[in-house]
Amino acid sequence: MKSDDFYLPFEEVSLDSWNIGILGNLTIPFLTIRAFIPIMKENKKGSIINISSHYGIVGNDQ
């Protein structure tokens, strides 16, 4: 999300802002993982470790 939309109530978040958040938090990691899978298969080894903020569990404290 755009930084100015971060603290808005859900129903006020714009679609553009939503799409920016999805791109950064889901699409980019998905594409990165997908790009490395052939290399890991070729090497017959590898690990993917995804990390995130604790805000994914507890939410932000407004």
Protein backbone atom coordinates (compact mmCIF):
# COMPACT_ATOMS: atom_id res chain seq x y z
CA MET A 1 0.00 0.00 0.00
CA LYS A 2 1.02 3.56 -0.45
CA SER A 3 2.32 4.98 2.80
CA ASP A 4 -0.52 7.49 3.03
CA ASP A 5 -3.09 4.65 2.81
CA PHE A 6 -1.46 2.44 5.45
CA TYR A 7 -3.61 3.63 8.35
CA LEU A 8 -6.88 4.03 6.46
CA PRO A 9 -9.84 1.83 7.33
CA PHE A 10 -10.01 -1.13 4.95
CA GLU A 11 -13.03 0.20 3.06
CA GLU A 12 -11.17 3.42 2.24
CA VAL A 13 -8.06 1.83 0.73
CA SER A 14 -7.91 2.51 -3.01
CA LEU A 15 -7.59 -0.31 -5.52
CA ASP A 16 -4.30 1.17 -6.75
CA SER A 17 -2.92 1.12 -3.23
CA TRP A 18 -4.15 -2.45 -2.73
CA ASN A 19 -2.44 -3.54 -5.95
CA ILE A 20 0.85 -1.93 -4.89
CA GLY A 21 0.71 -3.86 -1.62
CA ILE A 22 -0.06 -7.15 -3.37
CA LEU A 23 2.77 -6.56 -5.84
CA GLY A 24 5.35 -5.92 -3.14
CA ASN A 25 4.20 -8.53 -0.65
CA LEU A 26 3.05 -11.43 -2.86
CA THR A 27 3.92 -11.05 -6.55
CA ILE A 28 7.60 -10.15 -6.19
CA PRO A 29 8.37 -13.00 -3.74
CA PHE A 30 6.40 -15.41 -5.97
CA LEU A 31 8.39 -14.43 -9.06
CA THR A 32 11.69 -14.58 -7.18
CA ILE A 33 10.98 -18.07 -5.85
CA ARG A 34 9.84 -19.23 -9.27
CA ALA A 35 13.07 -17.95 -10.83
CA PHE A 36 15.23 -19.92 -8.38
CA ILE A 37 13.37 -23.25 -8.55
CA PRO A 38 15.07 -24.40 -11.80
CA ILE A 39 18.49 -23.68 -10.28
CA MET A 40 17.66 -25.63 -7.13
CA LYS A 41 16.32 -28.54 -9.20
CA GLU A 42 19.46 -28.56 -11.32
CA ASN A 43 21.63 -28.59 -8.19
CA LYS A 44 19.30 -31.09 -6.49
CA LYS A 45 19.30 -28.94 -3.38
CA GLY A 46 18.27 -25.58 -2.08
CA SER A 47 16.13 -23.85 0.48
CA ILE A 48 13.55 -21.12 0.30
CA ILE A 49 13.04 -19.12 3.45
CA ASN A 50 10.31 -16.50 3.45
CA ILE A 51 10.32 -13.95 6.22
CA SER A 52 7.84 -11.31 7.23
CA SER A 53 7.10 -8.77 9.89
CA HIS A 54 5.26 -9.65 13.07
CA TYR A 55 2.63 -7.16 11.87
CA GLY A 56 1.32 -9.96 9.66
CA ILE A 57 0.09 -11.59 12.86
CA VAL A 58 -0.64 -8.76 15.27
CA GLY A 59 -1.50 -5.88 12.91
CA ASN A 60 -0.33 -2.32 13.30
CA ASP A 61 -0.80 -0.42 16.52
CA GLN A 62 -2.52 2.80 15.62
